[in-house]
Every structure is written in C-alpha cells, then in structure tokens.
Amino acid sequence: FIWIANSAENTVSKIDTETGKEQGRYNVCSNPSRTAVDLYGDVWVGCRNDGGIAKIQAYKAKCVDKDGDGEIETSEDANGNGVIESGEMLGEGKDECMKFVVHPGGGCQRAVGVDKDNHAWVGDWDGKKLRRLEPAGGETVQTISIPANPYGLVIDQNGIIWVSGRGGNKLVRVDPSNEDVKAFESNLGCYEPYGITLDHKGRVWTANCCCWAVAYR
C-alpha cells in the first residue's frame, strides 16, 4: 500500500499500488501531512494543526473489535469502484482499524520516522523537539531537544536520526542512544533543507527549498 495524507479533509487514504484502487480512507487528526510505514505495514501520521499523531493498521485481520460485536468495522470499498465514497467511511472514532490518535506535545508535527524497534520518532516543529513513541499506545518514552525546527527525518542503518531543520537552516544529527546532537550548516550557498532521504550507502540527501533549487548531500 501507499498512504496518502489528504490534508484539507483530515483523512488518510490507503491505496493498492498494484491496482491503483483506494482500499480505505480514515479520519485522523487535523491537517495530516507526514506519514511513515512501520515494520508491519501499519502507518504513523503526523498532523500540523492540532499536534496529533495517528496510527492506522493496514490489515483488517490485525484490527481490534473495540465494541465487541464480533465484527471489524472499518472503511472499505464496498462497491468495488476503486474509490472510497462518503458512505464507505466511518465517523471519527468509529473505525476499528484506527489504532489510536495521541497528542504528544506541540501544535505542529512536521517529521515522522520509524526505528528498528518499531517505535516512531516524531518532530515537534514549534518546540524544536524529537519524541519517541512506543507502538502499542503511542506513549512518549524519550524526548530530545534539537537546535532547529524539524521538517522531515530519516533514520540510518546505525540508528542515527537525521533531521532536515528547515526552520533554522540546519541538518541535524541525533544519536538517540546517548542523546548527542550535532548541527551542520552549508558553506556552499543558501541552505533551507526540505525533503530528506538516504541512499543505499546510508548517505544523507536533502532537497533545498525556496532560496536555491539544488539538492545537497
């Protein structure tokens, strides 16, 4: 599946990448933006307007019958037309494949990633903090302050978190094992890191925003 944040609708769509058909659509938190798939195919979602973090389970067989009626109520493409229509969605709090929505702190979540232990790391833009959330209920188990506003993050094969600090014009390196934090600036030109990813050698790439149309490694 690919998970698409529909920011204006406060929903997230689940799309089958082999067929192109939408298989589910879920009410989450306000103004969803970032998504990160965990080790089991479930997705974490970060929201910008209310600081919410949602988690959606990908497979109906894993969802919990919360009301005990013997059925899993969830959004599905009942008529098979490849689009989730309004009557095929469930109201807020009623979809049993929505694992949880939590508000760990801060009003705008702008970065989400998953580590090797299947915990999520989320970036609090306003507070300049990274928080580690455990997968069962989304409880915060670690908080690290950083010297920039996190816009996106990736986690490399050594467990190091790399953050595109668009607010502050820095690339931030965080070792969560000892909470060591380092920040890097560019001497090559205007640096406003936006998108961030790793290549197959673990090298960090950032796409630059707004002031200079380049990519940095």
N, C-alpha and C. Protein backbone atom coordinates (compact mmCIF):
# COMPACT_ATOMS: atom_id res chain seq x y z
N PHE A 1 0.82 -1.20 0.00
CA PHE A 1 0.00 0.00 0.00
C PHE A 1 0.86 1.25 0.00
N ILE A 2 0.29 2.32 -0.54
CA ILE A 2 0.85 3.66 -0.33
C ILE A 2 -0.21 4.45 0.44
N TRP A 3 0.26 5.25 1.38
CA TRP A 3 -0.64 6.01 2.26
C TRP A 3 -0.54 7.49 1.88
N ILE A 4 -1.68 8.10 1.61
CA ILE A 4 -1.73 9.48 1.13
C ILE A 4 -2.44 10.36 2.15
N ALA A 5 -1.76 11.40 2.61
CA ALA A 5 -2.37 12.35 3.53
C ALA A 5 -3.21 13.35 2.75
N ASN A 6 -4.51 13.36 3.00
CA ASN A 6 -5.44 14.32 2.38
C ASN A 6 -5.61 15.48 3.35
N SER A 7 -4.70 16.44 3.26
CA SER A 7 -4.58 17.44 4.33
C SER A 7 -5.84 18.25 4.53
N ALA A 8 -6.51 18.64 3.45
CA ALA A 8 -7.69 19.50 3.57
C ALA A 8 -8.90 18.76 4.14
N GLU A 9 -8.90 17.43 4.05
CA GLU A 9 -10.04 16.63 4.51
C GLU A 9 -9.82 16.01 5.88
N ASN A 10 -8.60 16.14 6.43
CA ASN A 10 -8.25 15.49 7.71
C ASN A 10 -8.38 13.98 7.62
N THR A 11 -8.04 13.44 6.44
CA THR A 11 -8.12 12.00 6.24
C THR A 11 -6.82 11.48 5.64
N VAL A 12 -6.67 10.14 5.68
CA VAL A 12 -5.57 9.45 5.03
C VAL A 12 -6.15 8.33 4.19
N SER A 13 -5.67 8.20 2.94
CA SER A 13 -6.13 7.15 2.04
C SER A 13 -5.12 6.02 1.97
N LYS A 14 -5.64 4.79 1.89
CA LYS A 14 -4.82 3.59 1.67
C LYS A 14 -5.07 3.12 0.24
N ILE A 15 -4.01 3.11 -0.57
CA ILE A 15 -4.14 2.78 -1.99
C ILE A 15 -3.29 1.56 -2.32
N ASP A 16 -3.89 0.63 -3.05
CA ASP A 16 -3.18 -0.55 -3.54
C ASP A 16 -2.32 -0.12 -4.72
N THR A 17 -1.00 -0.24 -4.60
CA THR A 17 -0.12 0.24 -5.65
C THR A 17 -0.11 -0.66 -6.88
N GLU A 18 -0.63 -1.87 -6.77
CA GLU A 18 -0.69 -2.75 -7.94
C GLU A 18 -1.91 -2.45 -8.81
N THR A 19 -3.01 -2.06 -8.17
CA THR A 19 -4.24 -1.79 -8.92
C THR A 19 -4.55 -0.31 -9.06
N GLY A 20 -3.96 0.50 -8.19
CA GLY A 20 -4.27 1.93 -8.18
C GLY A 20 -5.58 2.25 -7.50
N LYS A 21 -6.21 1.25 -6.87
CA LYS A 21 -7.52 1.46 -6.26
C LYS A 21 -7.37 1.83 -4.77
N GLU A 22 -8.24 2.75 -4.36
CA GLU A 22 -8.28 3.15 -2.95
C GLU A 22 -9.03 2.07 -2.16
N GLN A 23 -8.39 1.57 -1.11
CA GLN A 23 -8.99 0.48 -0.33
C GLN A 23 -9.53 0.95 1.02
N GLY A 24 -9.12 2.12 1.46
CA GLY A 24 -9.61 2.64 2.73
C GLY A 24 -9.34 4.12 2.83
N ARG A 25 -10.16 4.80 3.65
CA ARG A 25 -9.92 6.21 3.94
C ARG A 25 -10.33 6.45 5.38
N TYR A 26 -9.48 7.14 6.13
CA TYR A 26 -9.62 7.17 7.59
C TYR A 26 -9.59 8.61 8.11
N ASN A 27 -10.50 8.92 9.01
CA ASN A 27 -10.45 10.19 9.71
C ASN A 27 -9.32 10.14 10.73
N VAL A 28 -8.43 11.12 10.67
CA VAL A 28 -7.29 11.14 11.58
C VAL A 28 -7.32 12.43 12.40
N CYS A 29 -6.19 13.11 12.49
CA CYS A 29 -6.12 14.37 13.22
C CYS A 29 -6.20 15.52 12.21
N SER A 30 -5.99 16.76 12.68
CA SER A 30 -6.26 17.93 11.85
C SER A 30 -5.07 18.30 10.97
N ASN A 31 -5.31 18.32 9.64
CA ASN A 31 -4.31 18.70 8.65
C ASN A 31 -3.14 17.71 8.63
N PRO A 32 -3.41 16.45 8.29
CA PRO A 32 -2.33 15.47 8.23
C PRO A 32 -1.34 15.78 7.12
N SER A 33 -0.07 15.44 7.37
CA SER A 33 0.97 15.73 6.39
C SER A 33 1.94 14.56 6.28
N ARG A 34 2.73 14.32 7.32
CA ARG A 34 3.78 13.31 7.26
C ARG A 34 3.21 11.91 7.50
N THR A 35 3.76 10.93 6.80
CA THR A 35 3.42 9.53 7.03
C THR A 35 4.71 8.72 7.10
N ALA A 36 4.69 7.63 7.87
CA ALA A 36 5.82 6.70 7.94
C ALA A 36 5.27 5.31 8.19
N VAL A 37 5.67 4.37 7.34
CA VAL A 37 5.21 2.99 7.46
C VAL A 37 6.12 2.23 8.42
N ASP A 38 5.52 1.45 9.33
CA ASP A 38 6.32 0.73 10.32
C ASP A 38 6.71 -0.65 9.81
N LEU A 39 7.30 -1.47 10.68
CA LEU A 39 7.84 -2.76 10.27
C LEU A 39 6.77 -3.77 9.93
N TYR A 40 5.51 -3.50 10.28
CA TYR A 40 4.41 -4.41 10.00
C TYR A 40 3.45 -3.88 8.93
N GLY A 41 3.83 -2.78 8.29
CA GLY A 41 2.99 -2.21 7.25
C GLY A 41 1.97 -1.21 7.73
N ASP A 42 1.86 -1.03 9.05
CA ASP A 42 0.95 -0.02 9.59
C ASP A 42 1.58 1.36 9.40
N VAL A 43 0.75 2.40 9.52
CA VAL A 43 1.26 3.74 9.21
C VAL A 43 1.06 4.69 10.38
N TRP A 44 2.08 5.51 10.61
CA TRP A 44 2.01 6.64 11.55
C TRP A 44 1.76 7.90 10.74
N VAL A 45 0.96 8.80 11.27
CA VAL A 45 0.59 10.03 10.58
C VAL A 45 0.80 11.22 11.51
N GLY A 46 1.49 12.25 11.03
CA GLY A 46 1.67 13.47 11.79
C GLY A 46 0.80 14.58 11.26
N CYS A 47 0.18 15.33 12.17
CA CYS A 47 -0.75 16.40 11.77
C CYS A 47 -0.22 17.77 12.18
N ARG A 48 -0.54 18.77 11.36
CA ARG A 48 0.02 20.10 11.52
C ARG A 48 -0.81 21.05 12.36
N ASN A 49 -2.13 20.87 12.39
CA ASN A 49 -2.96 21.89 13.03
C ASN A 49 -3.22 21.65 14.51
N ASP A 50 -3.24 20.37 14.94
CA ASP A 50 -3.55 20.10 16.35
C ASP A 50 -2.48 19.29 17.05
N GLY A 51 -1.35 19.05 16.38
CA GLY A 51 -0.25 18.32 17.00
C GLY A 51 -0.54 16.84 17.22
N GLY A 52 -1.51 16.31 16.50
CA GLY A 52 -1.88 14.92 16.68
C GLY A 52 -0.97 13.96 15.93
N ILE A 53 -0.87 12.75 16.47
CA ILE A 53 -0.20 11.63 15.81
C ILE A 53 -1.19 10.48 15.77
N ALA A 54 -1.48 10.00 14.57
CA ALA A 54 -2.42 8.88 14.40
C ALA A 54 -1.65 7.65 13.96
N LYS A 55 -2.21 6.47 14.29
CA LYS A 55 -1.67 5.21 13.79
C LYS A 55 -2.82 4.38 13.23
N ILE A 56 -2.64 3.90 11.99
CA ILE A 56 -3.66 3.13 11.30
C ILE A 56 -3.09 1.74 11.01
N GLN A 57 -3.87 0.70 11.27
CA GLN A 57 -3.44 -0.65 10.97
C GLN A 57 -3.82 -1.01 9.53
N ALA A 58 -2.87 -1.61 8.82
CA ALA A 58 -3.03 -1.84 7.39
C ALA A 58 -3.94 -3.02 7.08
N TYR A 59 -3.96 -4.01 7.96
CA TYR A 59 -4.65 -5.26 7.65
C TYR A 59 -5.81 -5.49 8.62
N LYS A 60 -6.98 -5.75 8.07
CA LYS A 60 -8.19 -5.91 8.87
C LYS A 60 -8.06 -7.03 9.89
N ALA A 61 -7.31 -8.08 9.54
CA ALA A 61 -7.15 -9.22 10.44
C ALA A 61 -6.44 -8.84 11.74
N LYS A 62 -5.68 -7.73 11.72
CA LYS A 62 -4.97 -7.29 12.92
C LYS A 62 -5.75 -6.26 13.73
N CYS A 63 -6.85 -5.75 13.18
CA CYS A 63 -7.61 -4.70 13.87
C CYS A 63 -8.38 -5.30 15.04
N VAL A 64 -8.69 -4.47 16.02
CA VAL A 64 -9.32 -4.92 17.26
C VAL A 64 -10.81 -4.58 17.24
N ASP A 65 -11.61 -5.57 17.61
CA ASP A 65 -13.06 -5.39 17.72
C ASP A 65 -13.35 -4.62 19.01
N LYS A 66 -13.29 -3.29 18.92
CA LYS A 66 -13.35 -2.46 20.13
C LYS A 66 -14.71 -2.47 20.80
N ASP A 67 -15.79 -2.64 20.01
CA ASP A 67 -17.12 -2.62 20.62
C ASP A 67 -17.65 -4.02 20.92
N GLY A 68 -16.84 -5.04 20.61
CA GLY A 68 -17.19 -6.40 21.00
C GLY A 68 -18.39 -7.00 20.30
N ASP A 69 -18.70 -6.53 19.08
CA ASP A 69 -19.89 -7.06 18.39
C ASP A 69 -19.55 -8.21 17.45
N GLY A 70 -18.29 -8.64 17.45
CA GLY A 70 -17.89 -9.76 16.61
C GLY A 70 -17.51 -9.38 15.20
N GLU A 71 -17.55 -8.09 14.87
CA GLU A 71 -17.21 -7.62 13.53
C GLU A 71 -16.17 -6.50 13.64
N ILE A 72 -15.34 -6.40 12.59
CA ILE A 72 -14.41 -5.27 12.49
C ILE A 72 -15.04 -4.23 11.58
N GLU A 73 -15.41 -3.11 12.18
CA GLU A 73 -15.97 -2.01 11.38
C GLU A 73 -14.83 -1.11 10.91
N THR A 74 -14.67 -1.01 9.61
CA THR A 74 -13.61 -0.17 9.06
C THR A 74 -14.00 0.30 7.67
N SER A 75 -13.34 1.32 7.20
CA SER A 75 -13.57 1.86 5.87
C SER A 75 -13.14 0.84 4.82
N GLU A 76 -14.03 0.55 3.87
CA GLU A 76 -13.72 -0.39 2.80
C GLU A 76 -14.45 0.02 1.52
N ASP A 77 -13.90 -0.41 0.38
CA ASP A 77 -14.50 -0.13 -0.92
C ASP A 77 -15.60 -1.16 -1.18
N ALA A 78 -16.78 -0.92 -0.62
CA ALA A 78 -17.86 -1.92 -0.65
C ALA A 78 -18.38 -2.18 -2.06
N ASN A 79 -18.43 -1.15 -2.90
CA ASN A 79 -18.98 -1.34 -4.24
C ASN A 79 -17.93 -1.64 -5.31
N GLY A 80 -16.66 -1.68 -4.89
CA GLY A 80 -15.59 -2.10 -5.79
C GLY A 80 -15.25 -1.14 -6.90
N ASN A 81 -15.58 0.14 -6.76
CA ASN A 81 -15.28 1.09 -7.84
C ASN A 81 -13.91 1.75 -7.71
N GLY A 82 -13.15 1.35 -6.70
CA GLY A 82 -11.78 1.85 -6.56
C GLY A 82 -11.65 3.19 -5.87
N VAL A 83 -12.77 3.71 -5.37
CA VAL A 83 -12.76 4.99 -4.66
C VAL A 83 -13.58 4.84 -3.38
N ILE A 84 -13.06 5.36 -2.29
CA ILE A 84 -13.82 5.37 -1.04
C ILE A 84 -14.75 6.56 -1.06
N GLU A 85 -16.03 6.29 -1.08
CA GLU A 85 -17.04 7.35 -1.08
C GLU A 85 -17.48 7.65 0.35
N SER A 86 -18.21 8.75 0.51
CA SER A 86 -18.55 9.20 1.86
C SER A 86 -19.30 8.14 2.66
N GLY A 87 -20.16 7.37 2.00
CA GLY A 87 -20.91 6.35 2.72
C GLY A 87 -20.10 5.13 3.10
N GLU A 88 -18.86 5.05 2.57
CA GLU A 88 -17.99 3.92 2.89
C GLU A 88 -16.97 4.27 3.97
N MET A 89 -17.04 5.49 4.48
CA MET A 89 -16.19 5.90 5.59
C MET A 89 -16.96 5.81 6.90
N LEU A 90 -16.21 5.66 7.98
CA LEU A 90 -16.82 5.66 9.30
C LEU A 90 -16.51 6.98 9.99
N GLY A 91 -17.39 7.39 10.88
CA GLY A 91 -17.20 8.63 11.61
C GLY A 91 -15.99 8.59 12.52
N GLU A 92 -15.60 9.75 12.96
CA GLU A 92 -14.42 9.88 13.81
C GLU A 92 -14.57 9.00 15.06
N GLY A 93 -13.55 8.19 15.32
CA GLY A 93 -13.54 7.33 16.50
C GLY A 93 -14.27 6.01 16.31
N LYS A 94 -14.86 5.76 15.14
CA LYS A 94 -15.64 4.54 14.94
C LYS A 94 -14.93 3.49 14.09
N ASP A 95 -13.88 3.87 13.40
CA ASP A 95 -13.15 2.92 12.55
C ASP A 95 -12.23 2.09 13.43
N GLU A 96 -12.44 0.78 13.44
CA GLU A 96 -11.69 -0.08 14.35
C GLU A 96 -10.30 -0.45 13.84
N CYS A 97 -9.91 0.03 12.65
CA CYS A 97 -8.52 -0.10 12.20
C CYS A 97 -7.70 1.15 12.52
N MET A 98 -8.35 2.18 13.07
CA MET A 98 -7.63 3.32 13.64
C MET A 98 -7.15 2.89 15.02
N LYS A 99 -5.86 2.65 15.13
CA LYS A 99 -5.32 2.12 16.40
C LYS A 99 -5.40 3.17 17.51
N PHE A 100 -4.96 4.41 17.20
CA PHE A 100 -5.07 5.49 18.19
C PHE A 100 -4.76 6.83 17.54
N VAL A 101 -5.13 7.89 18.23
CA VAL A 101 -4.66 9.25 17.96
C VAL A 101 -4.18 9.81 19.30
N VAL A 102 -2.93 10.29 19.33
CA VAL A 102 -2.36 10.86 20.55
C VAL A 102 -1.85 12.25 20.26
N HIS A 103 -1.65 13.02 21.31
CA HIS A 103 -1.11 14.38 21.19
C HIS A 103 0.10 14.48 22.12
N PRO A 104 1.28 14.13 21.63
CA PRO A 104 2.45 14.02 22.50
C PRO A 104 3.03 15.35 22.96
N GLY A 105 2.63 16.45 22.34
CA GLY A 105 3.16 17.76 22.71
C GLY A 105 3.48 18.58 21.48
N GLY A 106 3.18 19.86 21.55
CA GLY A 106 3.40 20.74 20.41
C GLY A 106 2.19 20.78 19.50
N GLY A 107 2.04 21.88 18.80
CA GLY A 107 0.86 22.07 17.96
C GLY A 107 1.03 21.68 16.52
N CYS A 108 2.26 21.30 16.11
CA CYS A 108 2.52 21.01 14.69
C CYS A 108 3.56 19.91 14.59
N GLN A 109 3.14 18.76 14.08
CA GLN A 109 4.06 17.63 13.87
C GLN A 109 4.52 17.65 12.41
N ARG A 110 5.84 17.83 12.19
CA ARG A 110 6.32 18.01 10.83
C ARG A 110 7.35 16.97 10.42
N ALA A 111 7.56 15.94 11.19
CA ALA A 111 8.51 14.89 10.81
C ALA A 111 8.09 13.60 11.50
N VAL A 112 8.15 12.48 10.77
CA VAL A 112 7.81 11.18 11.34
C VAL A 112 8.72 10.13 10.72
N GLY A 113 9.25 9.23 11.55
CA GLY A 113 10.04 8.10 11.08
C GLY A 113 9.91 6.95 12.05
N VAL A 114 10.35 5.77 11.64
CA VAL A 114 10.23 4.56 12.46
C VAL A 114 11.61 3.94 12.62
N ASP A 115 11.95 3.54 13.87
CA ASP A 115 13.27 2.95 14.13
C ASP A 115 13.21 1.42 14.08
N LYS A 116 14.35 0.78 14.33
CA LYS A 116 14.45 -0.68 14.20
C LYS A 116 13.63 -1.42 15.24
N ASP A 117 13.24 -0.75 16.32
CA ASP A 117 12.41 -1.37 17.35
C ASP A 117 10.93 -1.07 17.14
N ASN A 118 10.60 -0.53 15.98
CA ASN A 118 9.22 -0.22 15.58
C ASN A 118 8.59 0.90 16.40
N HIS A 119 9.43 1.72 17.04
CA HIS A 119 8.96 2.94 17.68
C HIS A 119 8.99 4.08 16.66
N ALA A 120 8.09 5.01 16.82
CA ALA A 120 8.07 6.18 15.94
C ALA A 120 8.85 7.33 16.58
N TRP A 121 9.56 8.07 15.75
CA TRP A 121 10.15 9.34 16.14
C TRP A 121 9.37 10.44 15.42
N VAL A 122 8.89 11.42 16.19
CA VAL A 122 8.08 12.50 15.61
C VAL A 122 8.71 13.83 15.96
N GLY A 123 8.59 14.78 15.02
CA GLY A 123 9.21 16.08 15.19
C GLY A 123 8.21 17.17 15.53
N ASP A 124 8.39 17.79 16.67
CA ASP A 124 7.58 18.92 17.13
C ASP A 124 8.20 20.19 16.57
N TRP A 125 7.54 20.77 15.55
CA TRP A 125 8.10 21.94 14.86
C TRP A 125 8.26 23.12 15.81
N ASP A 126 7.21 23.48 16.52
CA ASP A 126 7.25 24.67 17.37
C ASP A 126 8.22 24.50 18.54
N GLY A 127 8.24 23.32 19.12
CA GLY A 127 9.06 23.10 20.31
C GLY A 127 10.48 22.69 20.03
N LYS A 128 10.84 22.46 18.75
CA LYS A 128 12.17 22.00 18.37
C LYS A 128 12.56 20.76 19.17
N LYS A 129 11.68 19.77 19.12
CA LYS A 129 11.90 18.53 19.87
C LYS A 129 11.62 17.31 19.00
N LEU A 130 12.33 16.22 19.29
CA LEU A 130 12.00 14.91 18.76
C LEU A 130 11.47 14.07 19.91
N ARG A 131 10.40 13.33 19.63
CA ARG A 131 9.84 12.45 20.65
C ARG A 131 9.75 11.03 20.10
N ARG A 132 10.09 10.07 20.94
CA ARG A 132 9.98 8.66 20.57
C ARG A 132 8.70 8.10 21.18
N LEU A 133 7.84 7.51 20.35
CA LEU A 133 6.55 6.99 20.79
C LEU A 133 6.55 5.47 20.67
N GLU A 134 6.08 4.79 21.72
CA GLU A 134 6.03 3.33 21.67
C GLU A 134 4.84 2.90 20.81
N PRO A 135 4.92 1.72 20.18
CA PRO A 135 3.96 1.37 19.13
C PRO A 135 2.58 0.92 19.60
N ALA A 136 2.44 0.47 20.83
CA ALA A 136 1.16 -0.09 21.26
C ALA A 136 0.11 0.97 21.52
N GLY A 137 0.52 2.06 22.19
CA GLY A 137 -0.44 3.10 22.54
C GLY A 137 0.01 4.50 22.24
N GLY A 138 1.22 4.66 21.69
CA GLY A 138 1.71 5.99 21.34
C GLY A 138 2.24 6.80 22.50
N GLU A 139 2.57 6.14 23.63
CA GLU A 139 3.11 6.87 24.78
C GLU A 139 4.52 7.37 24.47
N THR A 140 4.82 8.59 24.90
CA THR A 140 6.16 9.16 24.72
C THR A 140 7.13 8.51 25.70
N VAL A 141 8.23 7.97 25.19
CA VAL A 141 9.21 7.30 26.04
C VAL A 141 10.57 8.00 26.03
N GLN A 142 10.76 8.98 25.14
CA GLN A 142 12.02 9.73 25.10
C GLN A 142 11.78 11.04 24.39
N THR A 143 12.44 12.10 24.86
CA THR A 143 12.33 13.42 24.25
C THR A 143 13.72 14.02 24.12
N ILE A 144 14.05 14.54 22.93
CA ILE A 144 15.35 15.15 22.68
C ILE A 144 15.14 16.51 22.04
N SER A 145 15.73 17.54 22.61
CA SER A 145 15.68 18.88 22.03
C SER A 145 16.74 19.01 20.94
N ILE A 146 16.40 19.75 19.87
CA ILE A 146 17.34 19.97 18.78
C ILE A 146 17.40 21.46 18.46
N PRO A 147 18.47 21.92 17.78
CA PRO A 147 18.64 23.35 17.53
C PRO A 147 18.03 23.83 16.22
N ALA A 148 16.92 23.25 15.80
CA ALA A 148 16.25 23.66 14.57
C ALA A 148 14.83 23.14 14.62
N ASN A 149 13.98 23.70 13.76
CA ASN A 149 12.60 23.22 13.65
C ASN A 149 12.57 22.03 12.69
N PRO A 150 12.15 20.85 13.15
CA PRO A 150 12.20 19.66 12.30
C PRO A 150 11.15 19.68 11.20
N TYR A 151 11.60 19.45 9.96
CA TYR A 151 10.67 19.41 8.84
C TYR A 151 10.47 17.99 8.33
N GLY A 152 11.53 17.21 8.34
CA GLY A 152 11.46 15.81 7.97
C GLY A 152 12.61 15.09 8.65
N LEU A 153 12.52 13.74 8.71
CA LEU A 153 13.61 12.99 9.30
C LEU A 153 13.74 11.62 8.65
N VAL A 154 14.94 11.08 8.73
CA VAL A 154 15.22 9.70 8.34
C VAL A 154 16.12 9.09 9.40
N ILE A 155 16.11 7.76 9.47
CA ILE A 155 16.93 7.03 10.44
C ILE A 155 17.82 6.08 9.66
N ASP A 156 19.14 6.19 9.86
CA ASP A 156 20.05 5.38 9.07
C ASP A 156 20.26 3.99 9.67
N GLN A 157 21.11 3.18 9.02
CA GLN A 157 21.27 1.79 9.42
C GLN A 157 21.96 1.64 10.78
N ASN A 158 22.56 2.72 11.27
CA ASN A 158 23.19 2.70 12.60
C ASN A 158 22.29 3.28 13.68
N GLY A 159 21.05 3.62 13.31
CA GLY A 159 20.11 4.16 14.29
C GLY A 159 20.24 5.66 14.50
N ILE A 160 21.06 6.32 13.70
CA ILE A 160 21.23 7.77 13.81
C ILE A 160 20.06 8.46 13.11
N ILE A 161 19.49 9.46 13.77
CA ILE A 161 18.39 10.23 13.21
C ILE A 161 18.95 11.48 12.53
N TRP A 162 18.56 11.69 11.28
CA TRP A 162 18.96 12.89 10.53
C TRP A 162 17.71 13.72 10.28
N VAL A 163 17.79 15.00 10.59
CA VAL A 163 16.63 15.88 10.54
C VAL A 163 16.90 17.03 9.59
N SER A 164 15.96 17.26 8.67
CA SER A 164 16.04 18.47 7.86
C SER A 164 15.44 19.62 8.67
N GLY A 165 16.32 20.46 9.16
CA GLY A 165 15.90 21.59 10.00
C GLY A 165 15.62 22.81 9.15
N ARG A 166 14.48 22.78 8.46
CA ARG A 166 14.15 23.90 7.59
C ARG A 166 14.06 25.20 8.39
N GLY A 167 13.42 25.15 9.55
CA GLY A 167 13.42 26.30 10.44
C GLY A 167 14.72 26.34 11.22
N GLY A 168 15.66 27.15 10.74
CA GLY A 168 16.98 27.20 11.35
C GLY A 168 18.09 26.90 10.37
N ASN A 169 17.73 26.39 9.18
CA ASN A 169 18.68 26.19 8.08
C ASN A 169 19.83 25.26 8.46
N LYS A 170 19.47 24.12 9.08
CA LYS A 170 20.49 23.19 9.54
C LYS A 170 20.10 21.75 9.20
N LEU A 171 21.11 20.93 9.01
CA LEU A 171 20.96 19.48 9.03
C LEU A 171 21.36 19.03 10.43
N VAL A 172 20.48 18.31 11.09
CA VAL A 172 20.73 17.92 12.49
C VAL A 172 20.96 16.41 12.56
N ARG A 173 21.98 16.02 13.29
CA ARG A 173 22.32 14.62 13.52
C ARG A 173 22.07 14.29 15.00
N VAL A 174 21.27 13.27 15.25
CA VAL A 174 20.92 12.90 16.63
C VAL A 174 21.23 11.43 16.83
N ASP A 175 22.02 11.15 17.87
CA ASP A 175 22.25 9.77 18.30
C ASP A 175 21.35 9.51 19.50
N PRO A 176 20.24 8.77 19.32
CA PRO A 176 19.31 8.61 20.42
C PRO A 176 19.84 7.76 21.57
N SER A 177 20.92 6.99 21.32
CA SER A 177 21.44 6.13 22.38
C SER A 177 22.09 6.93 23.50
N ASN A 178 22.68 8.07 23.17
CA ASN A 178 23.30 8.93 24.19
C ASN A 178 22.81 10.37 24.13
N GLU A 179 21.84 10.63 23.23
CA GLU A 179 21.24 11.95 23.03
C GLU A 179 22.25 13.01 22.61
N ASP A 180 23.30 12.56 21.92
CA ASP A 180 24.25 13.51 21.34
C ASP A 180 23.63 14.17 20.12
N VAL A 181 23.72 15.49 20.04
CA VAL A 181 23.11 16.26 18.97
C VAL A 181 24.17 17.13 18.31
N LYS A 182 24.24 17.06 16.98
CA LYS A 182 25.14 17.93 16.23
C LYS A 182 24.33 18.59 15.11
N ALA A 183 24.72 19.80 14.75
CA ALA A 183 24.04 20.53 13.69
C ALA A 183 25.06 20.99 12.66
N PHE A 184 24.68 20.92 11.37
CA PHE A 184 25.56 21.28 10.28
C PHE A 184 24.89 22.33 9.40
N GLU A 185 25.68 23.30 8.97
CA GLU A 185 25.21 24.32 8.04
C GLU A 185 26.05 24.23 6.76
N SER A 186 25.54 24.75 5.67
CA SER A 186 26.24 24.69 4.40
C SER A 186 27.07 25.96 4.17
N ASN A 187 28.28 25.76 3.65
CA ASN A 187 29.09 26.90 3.22
C ASN A 187 29.11 27.01 1.70
N LEU A 188 28.19 26.27 1.03
CA LEU A 188 28.15 26.26 -0.43
C LEU A 188 27.11 27.22 -0.99
N GLY A 189 26.24 27.72 -0.13
CA GLY A 189 25.18 28.60 -0.60
C GLY A 189 23.99 28.53 0.34
N CYS A 190 22.91 29.14 -0.07
CA CYS A 190 21.71 29.18 0.77
C CYS A 190 21.23 27.76 1.08
N TYR A 191 20.98 27.50 2.34
CA TYR A 191 20.57 26.16 2.78
C TYR A 191 19.25 26.23 3.53
N GLU A 192 18.21 25.63 2.94
CA GLU A 192 16.91 25.54 3.59
C GLU A 192 16.38 24.12 3.35
N PRO A 193 16.87 23.14 4.13
CA PRO A 193 16.56 21.73 3.85
C PRO A 193 15.08 21.43 4.02
N TYR A 194 14.54 20.70 3.06
CA TYR A 194 13.11 20.42 2.98
C TYR A 194 12.90 18.91 3.01
N GLY A 195 12.85 18.26 1.85
CA GLY A 195 12.79 16.80 1.82
C GLY A 195 14.12 16.19 2.21
N ILE A 196 14.08 14.97 2.77
CA ILE A 196 15.31 14.30 3.21
C ILE A 196 15.17 12.80 2.97
N THR A 197 16.27 12.17 2.55
CA THR A 197 16.26 10.72 2.34
C THR A 197 17.68 10.19 2.48
N LEU A 198 17.80 8.86 2.46
CA LEU A 198 19.09 8.17 2.48
C LEU A 198 19.24 7.38 1.19
N ASP A 199 20.48 7.28 0.69
CA ASP A 199 20.72 6.38 -0.43
C ASP A 199 21.18 5.02 0.08
N HIS A 200 21.51 4.10 -0.83
CA HIS A 200 21.81 2.72 -0.43
C HIS A 200 23.11 2.60 0.36
N LYS A 201 23.93 3.64 0.35
CA LYS A 201 25.14 3.65 1.15
C LYS A 201 24.96 4.37 2.49
N GLY A 202 23.73 4.79 2.76
CA GLY A 202 23.48 5.48 4.03
C GLY A 202 23.82 6.95 4.00
N ARG A 203 24.09 7.51 2.82
CA ARG A 203 24.41 8.93 2.72
C ARG A 203 23.13 9.75 2.72
N VAL A 204 23.20 10.90 3.36
CA VAL A 204 22.03 11.76 3.54
C VAL A 204 21.93 12.76 2.39
N TRP A 205 20.74 12.85 1.82
CA TRP A 205 20.43 13.84 0.79
C TRP A 205 19.28 14.72 1.27
N THR A 206 19.40 16.01 1.02
CA THR A 206 18.29 16.93 1.30
C THR A 206 17.97 17.73 0.05
N ALA A 207 16.68 17.90 -0.18
CA ALA A 207 16.21 18.78 -1.25
C ALA A 207 16.05 20.18 -0.67
N ASN A 208 16.57 21.17 -1.38
CA ASN A 208 16.56 22.53 -0.86
C ASN A 208 15.27 23.25 -1.26
N CYS A 209 14.80 24.10 -0.35
CA CYS A 209 13.56 24.83 -0.60
C CYS A 209 13.82 26.32 -0.78
N CYS A 210 13.09 26.92 -1.72
CA CYS A 210 12.75 28.34 -1.68
C CYS A 210 13.87 29.29 -2.11
N CYS A 211 15.07 29.13 -1.58
CA CYS A 211 16.10 30.13 -1.86
C CYS A 211 17.10 29.69 -2.93
N TRP A 212 17.18 28.37 -3.20
CA TRP A 212 18.12 27.88 -4.20
C TRP A 212 17.68 26.48 -4.59
N ALA A 213 17.42 26.24 -5.87
CA ALA A 213 16.86 24.97 -6.32
C ALA A 213 17.96 23.95 -6.57
N VAL A 214 18.45 23.36 -5.49
CA VAL A 214 19.51 22.36 -5.57
C VAL A 214 19.20 21.22 -4.60
N ALA A 215 19.98 20.14 -4.73
CA ALA A 215 19.99 19.07 -3.73
C ALA A 215 21.36 19.04 -3.08
N TYR A 216 21.38 18.76 -1.80
CA TYR A 216 22.64 18.68 -1.04
C TYR A 216 22.88 17.24 -0.61
N ARG A 217 24.15 16.80 -0.60
CA ARG A 217 24.50 15.52 0.01
C ARG A 217 25.48 15.77 1.14
